[in-house]
Amino acid sequence: MTDEDSEPLAALIAASFAEYPGCLFDWSEFPELRRPASHYAARGGALWVAAIENGRIVGSLAAVPVPEQGAVELFKVYADPAYRGSGLAQALFGRALAFAAERGMAELMLWSDTRFTRGHRFYEKLGFRRWPGERYLADVSASWEYHYRRPVAAEAP
């Protein structure tokens, strides 16, 4: 992943948002997408993508250490519908697990829009559990998010 992959990554995210009514993609709410690789590297993290021969990004996942919580937080977890069920998302998740383990972190965590029901099923299949409470983002989509966590050492499903 390089900063030049900004537009293809944004296209993947916008297409994913479009699958859910009322979920809108607005560039102004995602300044990190202007220089995505640099953004996550500056936070001590990493961003992985899967691209096909024409440069189209079909999967993504970012990970950032949160040492005060002994966790790695995941961001930008998206997969093109044509690649869901192919093992692509599991492979990206495996990179994040290895990233967390190498840094001695005990958990993975993420926040997910309450509307992303397919994603929630995927996270739960990977061993994530939803924590109590939700947060409101006050964004253009009026998003509410669920919090998910999973021990790094948990058995793979």
N, C-alpha and C. Protein backbone atom coordinates (compact mmCIF):
# COMPACT_ATOMS: atom_id res chain seq x y z
N MET A 1 0.85 -1.17 0.00
CA MET A 1 0.00 0.00 0.00
C MET A 1 0.89 1.23 0.00
N THR A 2 0.54 2.17 -0.86
CA THR A 2 1.23 3.45 -0.90
C THR A 2 0.19 4.56 -0.83
N ASP A 3 0.68 5.77 -0.63
CA ASP A 3 -0.24 6.90 -0.60
C ASP A 3 -0.92 7.12 -1.95
N GLU A 4 -0.30 6.64 -3.01
CA GLU A 4 -0.89 6.78 -4.35
C GLU A 4 -2.13 5.89 -4.53
N ASP A 5 -2.35 4.97 -3.62
CA ASP A 5 -3.53 4.10 -3.68
C ASP A 5 -4.76 4.74 -3.05
N SER A 6 -4.69 6.00 -2.77
CA SER A 6 -5.77 6.72 -2.10
C SER A 6 -7.10 6.59 -2.83
N GLU A 7 -7.12 6.89 -4.10
CA GLU A 7 -8.38 6.86 -4.86
C GLU A 7 -8.98 5.46 -4.95
N PRO A 8 -8.20 4.42 -5.28
CA PRO A 8 -8.79 3.08 -5.32
C PRO A 8 -9.31 2.61 -3.96
N LEU A 9 -8.62 2.99 -2.87
CA LEU A 9 -9.09 2.62 -1.55
C LEU A 9 -10.39 3.35 -1.23
N ALA A 10 -10.46 4.62 -1.55
CA ALA A 10 -11.70 5.38 -1.33
C ALA A 10 -12.84 4.80 -2.15
N ALA A 11 -12.56 4.34 -3.36
CA ALA A 11 -13.61 3.73 -4.20
C ALA A 11 -14.16 2.46 -3.55
N LEU A 12 -13.28 1.64 -2.97
CA LEU A 12 -13.73 0.43 -2.28
C LEU A 12 -14.63 0.79 -1.10
N ILE A 13 -14.22 1.77 -0.32
CA ILE A 13 -14.99 2.17 0.85
C ILE A 13 -16.33 2.77 0.44
N ALA A 14 -16.33 3.64 -0.56
CA ALA A 14 -17.57 4.26 -1.02
C ALA A 14 -18.54 3.20 -1.54
N ALA A 15 -18.04 2.21 -2.26
CA ALA A 15 -18.91 1.13 -2.77
C ALA A 15 -19.47 0.31 -1.61
N SER A 16 -18.67 0.08 -0.59
CA SER A 16 -19.15 -0.66 0.58
C SER A 16 -20.25 0.12 1.30
N PHE A 17 -20.04 1.41 1.48
CA PHE A 17 -21.06 2.25 2.11
C PHE A 17 -22.36 2.22 1.32
N ALA A 18 -22.25 2.23 -0.01
CA ALA A 18 -23.43 2.28 -0.87
C ALA A 18 -24.32 1.05 -0.72
N GLU A 19 -23.81 -0.02 -0.15
CA GLU A 19 -24.60 -1.23 0.08
C GLU A 19 -25.64 -1.04 1.17
N TYR A 20 -25.51 0.01 1.96
CA TYR A 20 -26.38 0.22 3.12
C TYR A 20 -27.12 1.56 3.00
N PRO A 21 -28.45 1.53 3.07
CA PRO A 21 -29.23 2.76 2.97
C PRO A 21 -28.81 3.78 4.02
N GLY A 22 -28.65 5.02 3.58
CA GLY A 22 -28.31 6.10 4.49
C GLY A 22 -26.85 6.19 4.87
N CYS A 23 -26.03 5.31 4.35
CA CYS A 23 -24.60 5.32 4.66
C CYS A 23 -23.88 6.01 3.50
N LEU A 24 -23.41 7.21 3.74
CA LEU A 24 -22.85 8.05 2.68
C LEU A 24 -21.34 8.21 2.83
N PHE A 25 -20.65 8.26 1.71
CA PHE A 25 -19.21 8.51 1.73
C PHE A 25 -18.97 9.97 1.39
N ASP A 26 -18.27 10.67 2.27
CA ASP A 26 -17.94 12.08 2.08
C ASP A 26 -16.44 12.23 2.35
N TRP A 27 -15.67 12.59 1.32
CA TRP A 27 -14.22 12.69 1.45
C TRP A 27 -13.80 13.52 2.66
N SER A 28 -14.55 14.57 2.98
CA SER A 28 -14.15 15.46 4.07
C SER A 28 -14.12 14.74 5.42
N GLU A 29 -14.82 13.64 5.55
CA GLU A 29 -14.83 12.89 6.80
C GLU A 29 -13.72 11.85 6.89
N PHE A 30 -12.93 11.74 5.84
CA PHE A 30 -11.86 10.74 5.80
C PHE A 30 -10.53 11.36 5.34
N PRO A 31 -10.01 12.34 6.08
CA PRO A 31 -8.75 12.98 5.65
C PRO A 31 -7.59 11.99 5.57
N GLU A 32 -7.65 10.91 6.36
CA GLU A 32 -6.57 9.91 6.32
C GLU A 32 -6.47 9.23 4.97
N LEU A 33 -7.53 9.27 4.18
CA LEU A 33 -7.50 8.61 2.87
C LEU A 33 -6.70 9.39 1.83
N ARG A 34 -6.34 10.63 2.11
CA ARG A 34 -5.51 11.39 1.16
C ARG A 34 -4.10 10.83 1.11
N ARG A 35 -3.60 10.34 2.25
CA ARG A 35 -2.27 9.73 2.35
C ARG A 35 -2.37 8.52 3.28
N PRO A 36 -3.08 7.48 2.86
CA PRO A 36 -3.41 6.39 3.78
C PRO A 36 -2.21 5.64 4.35
N ALA A 37 -1.25 5.30 3.54
CA ALA A 37 -0.09 4.55 4.05
C ALA A 37 0.68 5.39 5.07
N SER A 38 0.90 6.65 4.76
CA SER A 38 1.62 7.54 5.68
C SER A 38 0.84 7.75 6.97
N HIS A 39 -0.47 7.88 6.86
CA HIS A 39 -1.30 8.10 8.04
C HIS A 39 -1.13 6.96 9.05
N TYR A 40 -1.28 5.73 8.61
CA TYR A 40 -1.20 4.60 9.53
C TYR A 40 0.24 4.35 10.00
N ALA A 41 1.21 4.56 9.14
CA ALA A 41 2.61 4.41 9.54
C ALA A 41 2.97 5.43 10.62
N ALA A 42 2.49 6.65 10.51
CA ALA A 42 2.77 7.69 11.50
C ALA A 42 2.20 7.35 12.87
N ARG A 43 1.19 6.50 12.90
CA ARG A 43 0.57 6.09 14.16
C ARG A 43 1.16 4.76 14.67
N GLY A 44 2.24 4.31 14.03
CA GLY A 44 2.87 3.06 14.43
C GLY A 44 2.17 1.84 13.90
N GLY A 45 1.29 2.05 12.94
CA GLY A 45 0.49 0.96 12.41
C GLY A 45 0.85 0.59 10.99
N ALA A 46 -0.08 -0.12 10.37
CA ALA A 46 0.10 -0.59 9.00
C ALA A 46 -1.25 -0.66 8.31
N LEU A 47 -1.22 -0.57 7.02
CA LEU A 47 -2.41 -0.71 6.18
C LEU A 47 -2.09 -1.70 5.10
N TRP A 48 -2.91 -2.75 5.00
CA TRP A 48 -2.72 -3.76 3.97
C TRP A 48 -3.90 -3.70 3.00
N VAL A 49 -3.60 -3.90 1.73
CA VAL A 49 -4.66 -3.96 0.73
C VAL A 49 -4.41 -5.15 -0.19
N ALA A 50 -5.48 -5.59 -0.83
CA ALA A 50 -5.40 -6.59 -1.88
C ALA A 50 -5.89 -5.91 -3.15
N ALA A 51 -5.09 -5.97 -4.20
CA ALA A 51 -5.45 -5.33 -5.46
C ALA A 51 -5.39 -6.36 -6.58
N ILE A 52 -6.18 -6.12 -7.60
CA ILE A 52 -6.16 -6.99 -8.78
C ILE A 52 -5.36 -6.29 -9.88
N GLU A 53 -5.16 -6.98 -10.98
CA GLU A 53 -4.22 -6.54 -12.01
C GLU A 53 -4.44 -5.11 -12.53
N ASN A 54 -5.65 -4.61 -12.53
CA ASN A 54 -5.89 -3.25 -13.03
C ASN A 54 -5.69 -2.19 -11.96
N GLY A 55 -5.21 -2.59 -10.77
CA GLY A 55 -4.96 -1.65 -9.69
C GLY A 55 -6.16 -1.41 -8.79
N ARG A 56 -7.29 -2.05 -9.12
CA ARG A 56 -8.47 -1.89 -8.28
C ARG A 56 -8.24 -2.61 -6.95
N ILE A 57 -8.50 -1.92 -5.86
CA ILE A 57 -8.36 -2.51 -4.53
C ILE A 57 -9.64 -3.26 -4.20
N VAL A 58 -9.48 -4.52 -3.80
CA VAL A 58 -10.64 -5.37 -3.52
C VAL A 58 -10.73 -5.76 -2.04
N GLY A 59 -9.75 -5.34 -1.24
CA GLY A 59 -9.79 -5.61 0.18
C GLY A 59 -8.82 -4.72 0.91
N SER A 60 -9.16 -4.39 2.16
CA SER A 60 -8.27 -3.55 2.96
C SER A 60 -8.45 -3.83 4.44
N LEU A 61 -7.40 -3.51 5.20
CA LEU A 61 -7.44 -3.61 6.65
C LEU A 61 -6.25 -2.84 7.19
N ALA A 62 -6.50 -1.97 8.17
CA ALA A 62 -5.44 -1.22 8.84
C ALA A 62 -5.41 -1.62 10.30
N ALA A 63 -4.24 -1.51 10.92
CA ALA A 63 -4.06 -1.85 12.32
C ALA A 63 -3.17 -0.81 12.98
N VAL A 64 -3.59 -0.37 14.18
CA VAL A 64 -2.84 0.64 14.93
C VAL A 64 -2.74 0.19 16.38
N PRO A 65 -1.54 0.14 16.95
CA PRO A 65 -1.40 -0.23 18.36
C PRO A 65 -2.04 0.82 19.28
N VAL A 66 -2.68 0.33 20.33
CA VAL A 66 -3.23 1.17 21.39
C VAL A 66 -2.64 0.61 22.69
N PRO A 67 -1.37 0.96 22.98
CA PRO A 67 -0.66 0.33 24.11
C PRO A 67 -1.37 0.48 25.44
N GLU A 68 -2.01 1.60 25.70
CA GLU A 68 -2.67 1.80 26.99
C GLU A 68 -3.82 0.82 27.21
N GLN A 69 -4.29 0.20 26.13
CA GLN A 69 -5.34 -0.82 26.26
C GLN A 69 -4.80 -2.22 25.99
N GLY A 70 -3.52 -2.33 25.68
CA GLY A 70 -2.94 -3.63 25.36
C GLY A 70 -3.59 -4.23 24.12
N ALA A 71 -3.95 -3.36 23.17
CA ALA A 71 -4.73 -3.80 22.02
C ALA A 71 -4.21 -3.18 20.73
N VAL A 72 -4.66 -3.75 19.65
CA VAL A 72 -4.48 -3.18 18.32
C VAL A 72 -5.87 -2.89 17.81
N GLU A 73 -6.08 -1.65 17.36
CA GLU A 73 -7.38 -1.28 16.81
C GLU A 73 -7.34 -1.44 15.29
N LEU A 74 -8.40 -2.06 14.77
CA LEU A 74 -8.52 -2.27 13.33
C LEU A 74 -9.37 -1.17 12.71
N PHE A 75 -8.99 -0.78 11.51
CA PHE A 75 -9.68 0.23 10.73
C PHE A 75 -9.76 -0.24 9.28
N LYS A 76 -10.61 0.37 8.52
CA LYS A 76 -10.70 0.16 7.06
C LYS A 76 -10.81 -1.32 6.69
N VAL A 77 -11.70 -2.02 7.38
CA VAL A 77 -11.92 -3.45 7.11
C VAL A 77 -13.02 -3.54 6.05
N TYR A 78 -12.59 -3.72 4.79
CA TYR A 78 -13.54 -3.76 3.68
C TYR A 78 -13.13 -4.84 2.69
N ALA A 79 -14.13 -5.45 2.06
CA ALA A 79 -13.89 -6.42 1.00
C ALA A 79 -14.93 -6.20 -0.10
N ASP A 80 -14.47 -6.20 -1.31
CA ASP A 80 -15.35 -6.11 -2.47
C ASP A 80 -16.30 -7.30 -2.44
N PRO A 81 -17.59 -7.10 -2.73
CA PRO A 81 -18.55 -8.22 -2.68
C PRO A 81 -18.13 -9.43 -3.51
N ALA A 82 -17.48 -9.21 -4.63
CA ALA A 82 -17.06 -10.32 -5.49
C ALA A 82 -15.99 -11.19 -4.83
N TYR A 83 -15.32 -10.68 -3.80
CA TYR A 83 -14.24 -11.41 -3.15
C TYR A 83 -14.61 -11.89 -1.75
N ARG A 84 -15.82 -11.62 -1.32
CA ARG A 84 -16.27 -12.10 -0.01
C ARG A 84 -16.43 -13.61 -0.08
N GLY A 85 -15.99 -14.29 0.96
CA GLY A 85 -16.06 -15.75 0.99
C GLY A 85 -14.89 -16.41 0.29
N SER A 86 -13.95 -15.62 -0.23
CA SER A 86 -12.80 -16.18 -0.96
C SER A 86 -11.60 -16.45 -0.07
N GLY A 87 -11.66 -16.01 1.19
CA GLY A 87 -10.51 -16.13 2.08
C GLY A 87 -9.68 -14.86 2.14
N LEU A 88 -10.00 -13.88 1.29
CA LEU A 88 -9.25 -12.63 1.26
C LEU A 88 -9.31 -11.91 2.61
N ALA A 89 -10.49 -11.71 3.14
CA ALA A 89 -10.63 -11.00 4.42
C ALA A 89 -9.95 -11.76 5.55
N GLN A 90 -10.03 -13.09 5.54
CA GLN A 90 -9.37 -13.88 6.57
C GLN A 90 -7.85 -13.70 6.49
N ALA A 91 -7.33 -13.61 5.27
CA ALA A 91 -5.89 -13.40 5.10
C ALA A 91 -5.46 -12.03 5.64
N LEU A 92 -6.25 -11.01 5.36
CA LEU A 92 -5.94 -9.68 5.90
C LEU A 92 -6.03 -9.69 7.43
N PHE A 93 -7.05 -10.36 7.95
CA PHE A 93 -7.20 -10.49 9.40
C PHE A 93 -5.98 -11.21 9.99
N GLY A 94 -5.48 -12.22 9.31
CA GLY A 94 -4.29 -12.93 9.77
C GLY A 94 -3.09 -12.01 9.89
N ARG A 95 -2.96 -11.08 8.95
CA ARG A 95 -1.87 -10.09 9.03
C ARG A 95 -2.01 -9.25 10.28
N ALA A 96 -3.24 -8.84 10.59
CA ALA A 96 -3.48 -8.01 11.77
C ALA A 96 -3.20 -8.79 13.05
N LEU A 97 -3.58 -10.06 13.09
CA LEU A 97 -3.29 -10.89 14.26
C LEU A 97 -1.78 -11.01 14.48
N ALA A 98 -1.04 -11.26 13.41
CA ALA A 98 0.42 -11.36 13.52
C ALA A 98 1.02 -10.04 13.97
N PHE A 99 0.52 -8.94 13.43
CA PHE A 99 0.97 -7.59 13.80
C PHE A 99 0.79 -7.38 15.30
N ALA A 100 -0.39 -7.74 15.83
CA ALA A 100 -0.69 -7.58 17.25
C ALA A 100 0.20 -8.48 18.11
N ALA A 101 0.35 -9.72 17.70
CA ALA A 101 1.16 -10.67 18.46
C ALA A 101 2.63 -10.23 18.52
N GLU A 102 3.15 -9.74 17.39
CA GLU A 102 4.55 -9.28 17.34
C GLU A 102 4.79 -8.12 18.30
N ARG A 103 3.75 -7.37 18.61
CA ARG A 103 3.87 -6.21 19.50
C ARG A 103 3.44 -6.53 20.93
N GLY A 104 3.15 -7.80 21.19
CA GLY A 104 2.78 -8.22 22.53
C GLY A 104 1.42 -7.73 22.98
N MET A 105 0.54 -7.43 22.06
CA MET A 105 -0.79 -6.94 22.40
C MET A 105 -1.72 -8.11 22.69
N ALA A 106 -2.63 -7.92 23.65
CA ALA A 106 -3.51 -9.00 24.08
C ALA A 106 -4.81 -9.07 23.29
N GLU A 107 -5.24 -7.95 22.70
CA GLU A 107 -6.54 -7.93 22.03
C GLU A 107 -6.50 -7.18 20.71
N LEU A 108 -7.49 -7.53 19.89
CA LEU A 108 -7.83 -6.73 18.72
C LEU A 108 -9.17 -6.08 19.03
N MET A 109 -9.36 -4.87 18.54
CA MET A 109 -10.64 -4.20 18.73
C MET A 109 -10.98 -3.41 17.48
N LEU A 110 -12.25 -3.12 17.33
CA LEU A 110 -12.70 -2.31 16.21
C LEU A 110 -14.07 -1.73 16.53
N TRP A 111 -14.44 -0.72 15.78
CA TRP A 111 -15.77 -0.13 15.83
C TRP A 111 -16.39 -0.33 14.46
N SER A 112 -17.68 -0.64 14.44
CA SER A 112 -18.37 -0.91 13.18
C SER A 112 -19.75 -0.27 13.18
N ASP A 113 -20.08 0.38 12.09
CA ASP A 113 -21.39 1.00 11.93
C ASP A 113 -22.48 -0.04 12.22
N THR A 114 -23.48 0.35 12.97
CA THR A 114 -24.54 -0.59 13.35
C THR A 114 -25.27 -1.16 12.15
N ARG A 115 -25.18 -0.50 11.00
CA ARG A 115 -25.86 -0.99 9.79
C ARG A 115 -25.08 -2.08 9.07
N PHE A 116 -23.82 -2.26 9.38
CA PHE A 116 -22.97 -3.20 8.64
C PHE A 116 -23.15 -4.64 9.13
N THR A 117 -24.34 -5.14 8.99
CA THR A 117 -24.70 -6.45 9.55
C THR A 117 -23.87 -7.60 8.98
N ARG A 118 -23.55 -7.56 7.70
CA ARG A 118 -22.71 -8.63 7.12
C ARG A 118 -21.34 -8.63 7.77
N GLY A 119 -20.80 -7.44 7.99
CA GLY A 119 -19.50 -7.33 8.65
C GLY A 119 -19.55 -7.87 10.06
N HIS A 120 -20.64 -7.60 10.77
CA HIS A 120 -20.77 -8.09 12.15
C HIS A 120 -20.73 -9.61 12.19
N ARG A 121 -21.42 -10.24 11.25
CA ARG A 121 -21.39 -11.71 11.20
C ARG A 121 -19.97 -12.22 10.95
N PHE A 122 -19.25 -11.53 10.07
CA PHE A 122 -17.86 -11.90 9.78
C PHE A 122 -16.99 -11.76 11.03
N TYR A 123 -17.11 -10.64 11.73
CA TYR A 123 -16.31 -10.42 12.94
C TYR A 123 -16.60 -11.50 13.98
N GLU A 124 -17.87 -11.80 14.16
CA GLU A 124 -18.24 -12.81 15.15
C GLU A 124 -17.72 -14.19 14.75
N LYS A 125 -17.72 -14.48 13.46
CA LYS A 125 -17.15 -15.74 12.97
C LYS A 125 -15.66 -15.83 13.30
N LEU A 126 -14.98 -14.67 13.33
CA LEU A 126 -13.56 -14.62 13.64
C LEU A 126 -13.27 -14.58 15.15
N GLY A 127 -14.31 -14.63 15.96
CA GLY A 127 -14.12 -14.67 17.40
C GLY A 127 -14.29 -13.35 18.12
N PHE A 128 -14.68 -12.31 17.41
CA PHE A 128 -14.95 -11.02 18.06
C PHE A 128 -16.27 -11.11 18.81
N ARG A 129 -16.34 -10.38 19.90
CA ARG A 129 -17.58 -10.26 20.67
C ARG A 129 -17.93 -8.79 20.79
N ARG A 130 -19.21 -8.52 20.66
CA ARG A 130 -19.67 -7.14 20.78
C ARG A 130 -19.69 -6.73 22.24
N TRP A 131 -19.12 -5.59 22.54
CA TRP A 131 -19.11 -5.05 23.89
C TRP A 131 -20.35 -4.20 24.09
N PRO A 132 -20.77 -4.02 25.34
CA PRO A 132 -21.94 -3.18 25.61
C PRO A 132 -21.70 -1.73 25.18
N GLY A 133 -22.78 -1.09 24.78
CA GLY A 133 -22.72 0.33 24.43
C GLY A 133 -22.48 0.58 22.96
N GLU A 134 -22.79 1.77 22.57
CA GLU A 134 -22.61 2.24 21.20
C GLU A 134 -22.05 3.65 21.26
N ARG A 135 -21.48 4.11 20.14
CA ARG A 135 -21.05 5.50 20.07
C ARG A 135 -21.65 6.15 18.83
N TYR A 136 -21.93 7.43 18.97
CA TYR A 136 -22.51 8.21 17.88
C TYR A 136 -21.42 9.07 17.27
N LEU A 137 -21.34 9.10 15.93
CA LEU A 137 -20.27 9.83 15.27
C LEU A 137 -20.63 11.24 14.84
N ALA A 138 -21.90 11.57 14.73
CA ALA A 138 -22.33 12.89 14.25
C ALA A 138 -21.72 13.20 12.88
N ASP A 139 -21.70 12.20 12.02
CA ASP A 139 -21.18 12.37 10.67
C ASP A 139 -22.35 12.57 9.69
N VAL A 140 -22.04 12.68 8.41
CA VAL A 140 -23.06 12.92 7.39
C VAL A 140 -24.09 11.79 7.33
N SER A 141 -23.69 10.59 7.76
CA SER A 141 -24.58 9.43 7.76
C SER A 141 -25.30 9.23 9.09
N ALA A 142 -25.06 10.10 10.06
CA ALA A 142 -25.63 9.96 11.40
C ALA A 142 -25.35 8.56 11.95
N SER A 143 -24.09 8.16 11.89
CA SER A 143 -23.69 6.80 12.24
C SER A 143 -23.63 6.54 13.73
N TRP A 144 -24.09 5.36 14.09
CA TRP A 144 -23.88 4.77 15.40
C TRP A 144 -22.99 3.57 15.17
N GLU A 145 -22.10 3.29 16.12
CA GLU A 145 -21.18 2.17 15.97
C GLU A 145 -21.21 1.24 17.18
N TYR A 146 -21.00 -0.05 16.88
CA TYR A 146 -20.80 -1.07 17.90
C TYR A 146 -19.30 -1.25 18.12
N HIS A 147 -18.92 -1.64 19.33
CA HIS A 147 -17.54 -1.91 19.68
C HIS A 147 -17.36 -3.43 19.76
N TYR A 148 -16.34 -3.93 19.08
CA TYR A 148 -16.02 -5.36 19.09
C TYR A 148 -14.59 -5.55 19.60
N ARG A 149 -14.38 -6.66 20.31
CA ARG A 149 -13.05 -7.02 20.80
C ARG A 149 -12.85 -8.53 20.67
N ARG A 150 -11.57 -8.91 20.56
CA ARG A 150 -11.21 -10.33 20.45
C ARG A 150 -9.81 -10.51 21.01
N PRO A 151 -9.62 -11.53 21.85
CA PRO A 151 -8.26 -11.81 22.32
C PRO A 151 -7.36 -12.24 21.16
N VAL A 152 -6.14 -11.76 21.15
CA VAL A 152 -5.19 -12.16 20.11
C VAL A 152 -4.92 -13.65 20.19
N ALA A 153 -4.83 -14.18 21.40
CA ALA A 153 -4.49 -15.59 21.58
C ALA A 153 -5.66 -16.55 21.39
N ALA A 154 -6.84 -16.05 21.09
CA ALA A 154 -8.01 -16.92 20.90
C ALA A 154 -7.77 -17.87 19.73
N GLU A 155 -8.38 -19.02 19.83
CA GLU A 155 -8.30 -19.99 18.74
C GLU A 155 -8.97 -19.43 17.50
N ALA A 156 -8.38 -19.68 16.36
CA ALA A 156 -9.01 -19.28 15.10
C ALA A 156 -10.25 -20.13 14.88
N PRO A 157 -11.34 -19.52 14.46
CA PRO A 157 -12.57 -20.28 14.22
C PRO A 157 -12.44 -21.23 13.06
